[in-house]
Amino acid sequence: MSTVAILPARMGSSRFPGKPLAPILGLSMIEHVYHRTAMCKSLSGVYVATCDTEICQAVERFGGQYSMTSDRHERASDRIAEAMESLDAEIAVMVQGDEPMVHPDMIDAAVAAMTGDSSIPCVNLMKKIESEEEWRDPNTIKVVTGLDGRALYMSRSAIPHPGKAAFKEIPAYKQVCIMPFRRNALENFASLAPTPLEISESIDMLRFIENGVRVHMVETSFSTFAVDTPSDLTRVETLMRSDPLCAEYLEAGEKNS
């Protein structure tokens, strides 16, 4: 079963304009995401989906592949649906371009859940939230699931409500933006109109959840941090200085230069 990864990226982020090209340890953020994603052996290709020529040029410079998409997309899932139209693959893994600490094993785990169950149209990873500060942060997308692993709801609010429990006693999880889709699921997503909760929360997966489409959640033990603000970038750069995966491809790049 052919599987590709597609990295949506755009310059016009409202919280951090130009962030795909923000430098981290000498490379742009999108280059870090690309190299780390390409380390996944189960992928037949990696592509950046963007509407910005600056990003296309940056991808060309580091030897990557890209797909130029419309500048009208509000959702990353719509952008990768367009990119997928010109690719010969059965599964597209969306890896957000602002997740520079992604690990290839995370991609394998997400895809394995889908290939092991043909009834699953879409998978998302999730990670236990480790601090109350992150749980309350609206930039962190929280998810609650059923006992079968199906996503019941996602929100930027702090869910589930703790009641009288302490934060560490509640099942607080965040969405980690690695999302495999079957081709027909992507086509379905793009054909559906944006939904009320999707618009209110600004979360792609609510379009599926509101339409009764199954989003299967898989827990990961890997700690990643999305870059939503310049302060996030500083934090991630500090963490990546001691990251062995980062050292591996940075060293390989120095040898090839």
C-alpha atoms as a PDB file:
ATOM      1  CA  MET A   1       0.000   0.000   0.000  1.00  0.00           C
ATOM      2  CA  SER A   2       1.675   3.207  -1.206  1.00  0.00           C
ATOM      3  CA  THR A   3       1.979   5.919   1.451  1.00  0.00           C
ATOM      4  CA  VAL A   4       3.243   9.475   1.092  1.00  0.00           C
ATOM      5  CA  ALA A   5       3.710  12.251   3.607  1.00  0.00           C
ATOM      6  CA  ILE A   6       2.442  15.737   2.798  1.00  0.00           C
ATOM      7  CA  LEU A   7       3.592  18.733   4.846  1.00  0.00           C
ATOM      8  CA  PRO A   8       1.188  21.702   4.645  1.00  0.00           C
ATOM      9  CA  ALA A   9       2.965  25.034   5.090  1.00  0.00           C
ATOM     10  CA  ARG A  10       2.116  28.660   4.444  1.00  0.00           C
ATOM     11  CA  MET A  11       3.722  32.009   5.154  1.00  0.00           C
ATOM     12  CA  GLY A  12       0.560  33.753   6.325  1.00  0.00           C
ATOM     13  CA  SER A  13       0.168  32.398   9.863  1.00  0.00           C
ATOM     14  CA  SER A  14      -1.743  34.972  11.938  1.00  0.00           C
ATOM     15  CA  ARG A  15       0.209  34.144  15.114  1.00  0.00           C
ATOM     16  CA  PHE A  16       3.642  33.811  13.514  1.00  0.00           C
ATOM     17  CA  PRO A  17       3.925  35.106   9.919  1.00  0.00           C
ATOM     18  CA  GLY A  18       6.604  33.344   7.878  1.00  0.00           C
ATOM     19  CA  LYS A  19       7.160  30.601  10.458  1.00  0.00           C
ATOM     20  CA  PRO A  20       7.898  27.720   8.000  1.00  0.00           C
ATOM     21  CA  LEU A  21      11.129  29.515   7.079  1.00  0.00           C
ATOM     22  CA  ALA A  22      12.024  30.511  10.655  1.00  0.00           C
ATOM     23  CA  PRO A  23      15.582  29.313  11.392  1.00  0.00           C
ATOM     24  CA  ILE A  24      16.317  26.539  13.886  1.00  0.00           C
ATOM     25  CA  LEU A  25      19.951  25.495  14.325  1.00  0.00           C
ATOM     26  CA  GLY A  26      20.858  26.769  10.874  1.00  0.00           C
ATOM     27  CA  LEU A  27      17.961  25.197   8.939  1.00  0.00           C
ATOM     28  CA  SER A  28      14.457  26.442   8.257  1.00  0.00           C
ATOM     29  CA  MET A  29      11.706  24.834  10.302  1.00  0.00           C
ATOM     30  CA  ILE A  30      10.150  23.209   7.236  1.00  0.00           C
ATOM     31  CA  GLU A  31      13.520  21.662   6.339  1.00  0.00           C
ATOM     32  CA  HIS A  32      13.756  20.063   9.777  1.00  0.00           C
ATOM     33  CA  VAL A  33      10.253  18.618   9.403  1.00  0.00           C
ATOM     34  CA  TYR A  34      11.063  17.375   5.897  1.00  0.00           C
ATOM     35  CA  HIS A  35      14.315  15.627   6.855  1.00  0.00           C
ATOM     36  CA  ARG A  36      12.813  13.982   9.915  1.00  0.00           C
ATOM     37  CA  THR A  37       9.735  12.810   7.995  1.00  0.00           C
ATOM     38  CA  ALA A  38      11.883  11.423   5.158  1.00  0.00           C
ATOM     39  CA  MET A  39      13.658   9.176   7.697  1.00  0.00           C
ATOM     40  CA  CYS A  40      10.465   7.101   7.882  1.00  0.00           C
ATOM     41  CA  LYS A  41      11.167   3.989   5.777  1.00  0.00           C
ATOM     42  CA  SER A  42       7.502   3.176   5.136  1.00  0.00           C
ATOM     43  CA  LEU A  43       6.982   6.291   2.999  1.00  0.00           C
ATOM     44  CA  SER A  44       7.346   6.311  -0.781  1.00  0.00           C
ATOM     45  CA  GLY A  45       7.683  10.098  -0.916  1.00  0.00           C
ATOM     46  CA  VAL A  46       7.581  13.354   1.041  1.00  0.00           C
ATOM     47  CA  TYR A  47       6.057  16.572  -0.335  1.00  0.00           C
ATOM     48  CA  VAL A  48       5.523  20.086   0.970  1.00  0.00           C
ATOM     49  CA  ALA A  49       2.090  21.477   0.065  1.00  0.00           C
ATOM     50  CA  THR A  50       2.140  25.262  -0.094  1.00  0.00           C
ATOM     51  CA  CYS A  51       0.702  28.287  -1.862  1.00  0.00           C
ATOM     52  CA  ASP A  52       3.823  30.410  -1.334  1.00  0.00           C
ATOM     53  CA  THR A  53       6.691  30.726  -3.831  1.00  0.00           C
ATOM     54  CA  GLU A  54       9.135  31.523  -0.998  1.00  0.00           C
ATOM     55  CA  ILE A  55       8.499  28.100   0.525  1.00  0.00           C
ATOM     56  CA  CYS A  56       8.746  26.365  -2.874  1.00  0.00           C
ATOM     57  CA  GLN A  57      12.124  28.000  -3.460  1.00  0.00           C
ATOM     58  CA  ALA A  58      13.345  26.989  -0.003  1.00  0.00           C
ATOM     59  CA  VAL A  59      12.283  23.378  -0.589  1.00  0.00           C
ATOM     60  CA  GLU A  60      14.064  23.337  -3.943  1.00  0.00           C
ATOM     61  CA  ARG A  61      17.261  24.611  -2.321  1.00  0.00           C
ATOM     62  CA  PHE A  62      17.426  21.739   0.142  1.00  0.00           C
ATOM     63  CA  GLY A  63      16.494  19.168  -2.518  1.00  0.00           C
ATOM     64  CA  GLY A  64      12.939  18.434  -1.438  1.00  0.00           C
ATOM     65  CA  GLN A  65       9.717  17.982  -3.404  1.00  0.00           C
ATOM     66  CA  TYR A  66       6.698  20.258  -3.259  1.00  0.00           C
ATOM     67  CA  SER A  67       3.184  20.700  -4.591  1.00  0.00           C
ATOM     68  CA  MET A  68       1.908  24.193  -5.347  1.00  0.00           C
ATOM     69  CA  THR A  69      -1.660  24.558  -4.059  1.00  0.00           C
ATOM     70  CA  SER A  70      -4.400  27.167  -4.011  1.00  0.00           C
ATOM     71  CA  ASP A  71      -4.111  30.147  -1.684  1.00  0.00           C
ATOM     72  CA  ARG A  72      -7.808  29.865  -0.796  1.00  0.00           C
ATOM     73  CA  HIS A  73      -7.560  26.956   1.660  1.00  0.00           C
ATOM     74  CA  GLU A  74      -8.484  27.716   5.268  1.00  0.00           C
ATOM     75  CA  ARG A  75      -7.683  24.197   6.503  1.00  0.00           C
ATOM     76  CA  ALA A  76      -4.483  22.190   6.163  1.00  0.00           C
ATOM     77  CA  SER A  77      -6.519  19.061   5.345  1.00  0.00           C
ATOM     78  CA  ASP A  78      -8.052  20.807   2.314  1.00  0.00           C
ATOM     79  CA  ARG A  79      -4.543  21.752   1.178  1.00  0.00           C
ATOM     80  CA  ILE A  80      -3.240  18.192   1.315  1.00  0.00           C
ATOM     81  CA  ALA A  81      -6.412  16.942  -0.389  1.00  0.00           C
ATOM     82  CA  GLU A  82      -5.509  19.153  -3.358  1.00  0.00           C
ATOM     83  CA  ALA A  83      -1.878  18.002  -3.317  1.00  0.00           C
ATOM     84  CA  MET A  84      -2.980  14.373  -3.208  1.00  0.00           C
ATOM     85  CA  GLU A  85      -4.869  14.755  -6.500  1.00  0.00           C
ATOM     86  CA  SER A  86      -1.596  14.645  -8.447  1.00  0.00           C
ATOM     87  CA  LEU A  87       0.060  11.869  -6.405  1.00  0.00           C
ATOM     88  CA  ASP A  88      -0.193   8.118  -6.910  1.00  0.00           C
ATOM     89  CA  ALA A  89      -0.719   6.868  -3.363  1.00  0.00           C
ATOM     90  CA  GLU A  90      -3.444   5.244  -1.297  1.00  0.00           C
ATOM     91  CA  ILE A  91      -2.601   6.895   2.030  1.00  0.00           C
ATOM     92  CA  ALA A  92      -1.518  10.472   2.683  1.00  0.00           C
ATOM     93  CA  VAL A  93       0.056  11.278   6.036  1.00  0.00           C
ATOM     94  CA  MET A  94      -0.344  14.911   6.982  1.00  0.00           C
ATOM     95  CA  VAL A  95       2.648  16.055   9.023  1.00  0.00           C
ATOM     96  CA  GLN A  96       2.190  19.649  10.104  1.00  0.00           C
ATOM     97  CA  GLY A  97       4.988  21.927   8.953  1.00  0.00           C
ATOM     98  CA  ASP A  98       5.240  23.493  12.414  1.00  0.00           C
ATOM     99  CA  GLU A  99       6.174  20.233  14.200  1.00  0.00           C
ATOM    100  CA  PRO A 100       9.996  20.274  13.911  1.00  0.00           C
ATOM    101  CA  MET A 101      10.441  17.565  16.570  1.00  0.00           C
ATOM    102  CA  VAL A 102       8.439  14.913  14.711  1.00  0.00           C
ATOM    103  CA  HIS A 103       9.979  11.419  14.898  1.00  0.00           C
ATOM    104  CA  PRO A 104       9.687   8.869  12.039  1.00  0.00           C
ATOM    105  CA  ASP A 105       8.491   6.172  14.461  1.00  0.00           C
ATOM    106  CA  MET A 106       5.431   8.320  15.152  1.00  0.00           C
ATOM    107  CA  ILE A 107       4.489   8.157  11.490  1.00  0.00           C
ATOM    108  CA  ASP A 108       4.939   4.385  11.420  1.00  0.00           C
ATOM    109  CA  ALA A 109       2.682   3.970  14.476  1.00  0.00           C
ATOM    110  CA  ALA A 110      -0.079   6.122  13.006  1.00  0.00           C
ATOM    111  CA  VAL A 111      -0.008   4.356   9.634  1.00  0.00           C
ATOM    112  CA  ALA A 112       0.105   0.891  11.253  1.00  0.00           C
ATOM    113  CA  ALA A 113      -3.220   1.528  12.974  1.00  0.00           C
ATOM    114  CA  MET A 114      -4.799   2.282   9.616  1.00  0.00           C
ATOM    115  CA  THR A 115      -3.254  -0.587   7.664  1.00  0.00           C
ATOM    116  CA  GLY A 116      -4.314  -2.976  10.431  1.00  0.00           C
ATOM    117  CA  ASP A 117      -7.989  -1.978  10.180  1.00  0.00           C
ATOM    118  CA  SER A 118      -9.475  -1.246   6.763  1.00  0.00           C
ATOM    119  CA  SER A 119     -12.537   0.411   8.340  1.00  0.00           C
ATOM    120  CA  ILE A 120     -10.501   3.371   9.672  1.00  0.00           C
ATOM    121  CA  PRO A 121     -10.611   6.363   7.282  1.00  0.00           C
ATOM    122  CA  CYS A 122      -8.380   8.669   9.346  1.00  0.00           C
ATOM    123  CA  VAL A 123      -5.942   8.387  12.259  1.00  0.00           C
ATOM    124  CA  ASN A 124      -4.601  11.083  14.581  1.00  0.00           C
ATOM    125  CA  LEU A 125      -1.887  10.731  17.190  1.00  0.00           C
ATOM    126  CA  MET A 126      -2.420  11.981  20.722  1.00  0.00           C
ATOM    127  CA  LYS A 127      -0.109  12.537  23.687  1.00  0.00           C
ATOM    128  CA  LYS A 128      -0.807  12.792  27.413  1.00  0.00           C
ATOM    129  CA  ILE A 129      -0.617  16.433  28.459  1.00  0.00           C
ATOM    130  CA  GLU A 130       2.067  16.775  31.088  1.00  0.00           C
ATOM    131  CA  SER A 131       1.375  20.208  32.560  1.00  0.00           C
ATOM    132  CA  GLU A 132      -1.696  22.171  33.540  1.00  0.00           C
ATOM    133  CA  GLU A 133      -0.239  25.186  31.751  1.00  0.00           C
ATOM    134  CA  GLU A 134      -0.232  23.296  28.426  1.00  0.00           C
ATOM    135  CA  TRP A 135      -3.730  21.951  29.132  1.00  0.00           C
ATOM    136  CA  ARG A 136      -5.050  25.496  29.504  1.00  0.00           C
ATOM    137  CA  ASP A 137      -3.135  26.851  26.488  1.00  0.00           C
ATOM    138  CA  PRO A 138      -5.582  27.550  23.597  1.00  0.00           C
ATOM    139  CA  ASN A 139      -2.804  26.783  21.106  1.00  0.00           C
ATOM    140  CA  THR A 140      -2.905  23.162  22.337  1.00  0.00           C
ATOM    141  CA  ILE A 141      -5.715  21.152  20.765  1.00  0.00           C
ATOM    142  CA  LYS A 142      -7.220  18.870  23.399  1.00  0.00           C
ATOM    143  CA  VAL A 143      -9.021  15.633  22.534  1.00  0.00           C
ATOM    144  CA  VAL A 144     -11.410  13.341  24.398  1.00  0.00           C
ATOM    145  CA  THR A 145     -12.027   9.804  23.155  1.00  0.00           C
ATOM    146  CA  GLY A 146     -14.404   6.918  23.541  1.00  0.00           C
ATOM    147  CA  LEU A 147     -13.334   3.571  24.958  1.00  0.00           C
ATOM    148  CA  ASP A 148     -12.877   2.339  21.380  1.00  0.00           C
ATOM    149  CA  GLY A 149     -10.306   5.048  20.601  1.00  0.00           C
ATOM    150  CA  ARG A 150     -12.668   7.142  18.503  1.00  0.00           C
ATOM    151  CA  ALA A 151     -12.321  10.911  18.922  1.00  0.00           C
ATOM    152  CA  LEU A 152     -15.473  12.301  20.521  1.00  0.00           C
ATOM    153  CA  TYR A 153     -14.485  15.960  20.521  1.00  0.00           C
ATOM    154  CA  MET A 154     -11.506  18.281  20.085  1.00  0.00           C
ATOM    155  CA  SER A 155     -11.213  21.753  21.554  1.00  0.00           C
ATOM    156  CA  ARG A 156      -8.849  24.592  22.316  1.00  0.00           C
ATOM    157  CA  SER A 157     -10.536  24.815  25.702  1.00  0.00           C
ATOM    158  CA  ALA A 158      -9.303  22.788  28.686  1.00  0.00           C
ATOM    159  CA  ILE A 159     -11.232  19.508  28.377  1.00  0.00           C
ATOM    160  CA  PRO A 160     -12.340  17.270  29.998  1.00  0.00           C
ATOM    161  CA  HIS A 161     -13.677  19.253  32.931  1.00  0.00           C
ATOM    162  CA  PRO A 162     -11.742  18.143  36.028  1.00  0.00           C
ATOM    163  CA  GLY A 163     -14.622  18.273  38.487  1.00  0.00           C
ATOM    164  CA  LYS A 164     -13.074  17.832  41.929  1.00  0.00           C
ATOM    165  CA  ALA A 165     -10.067  15.911  40.583  1.00  0.00           C
ATOM    166  CA  ALA A 166      -6.536  17.282  40.416  1.00  0.00           C
ATOM    167  CA  PHE A 167      -5.153  17.929  36.933  1.00  0.00           C
ATOM    168  CA  LYS A 168      -2.892  14.844  37.031  1.00  0.00           C
ATOM    169  CA  GLU A 169      -5.895  12.610  37.714  1.00  0.00           C
ATOM    170  CA  ILE A 170      -7.848  13.467  34.562  1.00  0.00           C
ATOM    171  CA  PRO A 171      -7.382  11.936  31.065  1.00  0.00           C
ATOM    172  CA  ALA A 172      -5.990  15.078  29.450  1.00  0.00           C
ATOM    173  CA  TYR A 173      -4.630  14.489  25.942  1.00  0.00           C
ATOM    174  CA  LYS A 174      -3.518  16.708  23.092  1.00  0.00           C
ATOM    175  CA  GLN A 175      -3.732  16.117  19.373  1.00  0.00           C
ATOM    176  CA  VAL A 176      -0.323  15.544  17.794  1.00  0.00           C
ATOM    177  CA  CYS A 177      -0.453  16.648  14.197  1.00  0.00           C
ATOM    178  CA  ILE A 178       0.402  13.448  12.371  1.00  0.00           C
ATOM    179  CA  MET A 179      -2.704  12.352  10.502  1.00  0.00           C
ATOM    180  CA  PRO A 180      -2.892   9.533   7.940  1.00  0.00           C
ATOM    181  CA  PHE A 181      -5.901   9.684   5.609  1.00  0.00           C
ATOM    182  CA  ARG A 182      -7.096   7.190   3.052  1.00  0.00           C
ATOM    183  CA  ARG A 183      -7.431   8.798  -0.361  1.00  0.00           C
ATOM    184  CA  ASN A 184     -11.220   8.532  -0.382  1.00  0.00           C
ATOM    185  CA  ALA A 185     -11.379  10.068   3.114  1.00  0.00           C
ATOM    186  CA  LEU A 186      -9.432  13.110   1.917  1.00  0.00           C
ATOM    187  CA  GLU A 187     -11.734  13.439  -1.071  1.00  0.00           C
ATOM    188  CA  ASN A 188     -14.694  13.234   1.298  1.00  0.00           C
ATOM    189  CA  PHE A 189     -13.214  15.883   3.612  1.00  0.00           C
ATOM    190  CA  ALA A 190     -12.702  18.302   0.724  1.00  0.00           C
ATOM    191  CA  SER A 191     -16.262  17.734  -0.526  1.00  0.00           C
ATOM    192  CA  LEU A 192     -17.852  18.551   2.844  1.00  0.00           C
ATOM    193  CA  ALA A 193     -18.720  22.117   3.765  1.00  0.00           C
ATOM    194  CA  PRO A 194     -16.954  23.621   6.786  1.00  0.00           C
ATOM    195  CA  THR A 195     -18.957  22.841   9.906  1.00  0.00           C
ATOM    196  CA  PRO A 196     -20.038  25.123  12.779  1.00  0.00           C
ATOM    197  CA  LEU A 197     -17.732  23.655  15.435  1.00  0.00           C
ATOM    198  CA  GLU A 198     -14.834  23.411  12.988  1.00  0.00           C
ATOM    199  CA  ILE A 199     -15.159  27.131  12.315  1.00  0.00           C
ATOM    200  CA  SER A 200     -15.642  28.041  15.984  1.00  0.00           C
ATOM    201  CA  GLU A 201     -12.655  26.016  17.248  1.00  0.00           C
ATOM    202  CA  SER A 202     -10.522  26.300  14.074  1.00  0.00           C
ATOM    203  CA  ILE A 203      -9.814  22.553  14.142  1.00  0.00           C
ATOM    204  CA  ASP A 204      -9.851  20.500  10.923  1.00  0.00           C
ATOM    205  CA  MET A 205     -10.935  17.182  12.438  1.00  0.00           C
ATOM    206  CA  LEU A 206     -14.199  18.598  13.743  1.00  0.00           C
ATOM    207  CA  ARG A 207     -15.457  18.583  10.150  1.00  0.00           C
ATOM    208  CA  PHE A 208     -15.210  14.789  10.240  1.00  0.00           C
ATOM    209  CA  ILE A 209     -16.482  14.429  13.800  1.00  0.00           C
ATOM    210  CA  GLU A 210     -19.538  16.621  13.153  1.00  0.00           C
ATOM    211  CA  ASN A 211     -20.352  14.557  10.068  1.00  0.00           C
ATOM    212  CA  GLY A 212     -20.050  11.249  11.928  1.00  0.00           C
ATOM    213  CA  VAL A 213     -16.787  10.199  10.234  1.00  0.00           C
ATOM    214  CA  ARG A 214     -14.562   8.103  12.459  1.00  0.00           C
ATOM    215  CA  VAL A 215     -11.275   9.674  13.586  1.00  0.00           C
ATOM    216  CA  HIS A 216      -9.242   6.990  15.338  1.00  0.00           C
ATOM    217  CA  MET A 217      -6.781   8.186  17.976  1.00  0.00           C
ATOM    218  CA  VAL A 218      -3.467   6.452  18.706  1.00  0.00           C
ATOM    219  CA  GLU A 219      -1.435   7.387  21.759  1.00  0.00           C
ATOM    220  CA  THR A 220       2.254   8.176  21.341  1.00  0.00           C
ATOM    221  CA  SER A 221       4.973   8.412  23.976  1.00  0.00           C
ATOM    222  CA  PHE A 222       7.056  10.864  21.942  1.00  0.00           C
ATOM    223  CA  SER A 223       7.115  14.436  23.197  1.00  0.00           C
ATOM    224  CA  THR A 224       6.773  17.051  20.482  1.00  0.00           C
ATOM    225  CA  PHE A 225       6.009  20.748  20.601  1.00  0.00           C
ATOM    226  CA  ALA A 226       4.309  22.648  17.817  1.00  0.00           C
ATOM    227  CA  VAL A 227       5.664  26.111  17.009  1.00  0.00           C
ATOM    228  CA  ASP A 228       2.806  28.614  17.180  1.00  0.00           C
ATOM    229  CA  THR A 229       4.709  31.679  18.417  1.00  0.00           C
ATOM    230  CA  PRO A 230       8.277  33.044  18.384  1.00  0.00           C
ATOM    231  CA  SER A 231       8.643  31.994  22.030  1.00  0.00           C
ATOM    232  CA  ASP A 232       7.730  28.422  21.037  1.00  0.00           C
ATOM    233  CA  LEU A 233      10.535  28.567  18.470  1.00  0.00           C
ATOM    234  CA  THR A 234      13.069  29.476  21.163  1.00  0.00           C
ATOM    235  CA  ARG A 235      11.873  26.622  23.361  1.00  0.00           C
ATOM    236  CA  VAL A 236      12.022  24.064  20.550  1.00  0.00           C
ATOM    237  CA  GLU A 237      15.486  25.162  19.429  1.00  0.00           C
ATOM    238  CA  THR A 238      16.769  24.625  22.969  1.00  0.00           C
ATOM    239  CA  LEU A 239      15.293  21.118  23.080  1.00  0.00           C
ATOM    240  CA  MET A 240      16.619  20.203  19.635  1.00  0.00           C
ATOM    241  CA  ARG A 241      20.216  21.035  20.571  1.00  0.00           C
ATOM    242  CA  SER A 242      20.339  17.736  22.461  1.00  0.00           C
ATOM    243  CA  ASP A 243      18.133  15.738  20.094  1.00  0.00           C
ATOM    244  CA  PRO A 244      20.039  12.751  18.594  1.00  0.00           C
ATOM    245  CA  LEU A 245      17.833  12.606  15.494  1.00  0.00           C
ATOM    246  CA  CYS A 246      18.577  16.249  14.745  1.00  0.00           C
ATOM    247  CA  ALA A 247      22.314  15.649  15.164  1.00  0.00           C
ATOM    248  CA  GLU A 248      22.088  12.765  12.671  1.00  0.00           C
ATOM    249  CA  TYR A 249      20.768  14.736   9.717  1.00  0.00           C
ATOM    250  CA  LEU A 250      22.685  17.902  10.536  1.00  0.00           C
ATOM    251  CA  GLU A 251      25.902  15.883  10.466  1.00  0.00           C
ATOM    252  CA  ALA A 252      24.890  14.211   7.204  1.00  0.00           C
ATOM    253  CA  GLY A 253      24.221  17.640   5.676  1.00  0.00           C
ATOM    254  CA  GLU A 254      27.646  18.912   6.699  1.00  0.00           C
ATOM    255  CA  LYS A 255      29.320  15.902   5.054  1.00  0.00           C
ATOM    256  CA  ASN A 256      27.423  16.474   1.816  1.00  0.00           C
ATOM    257  CA  SER A 257      28.096  20.217   1.659  1.00  0.00           C
END
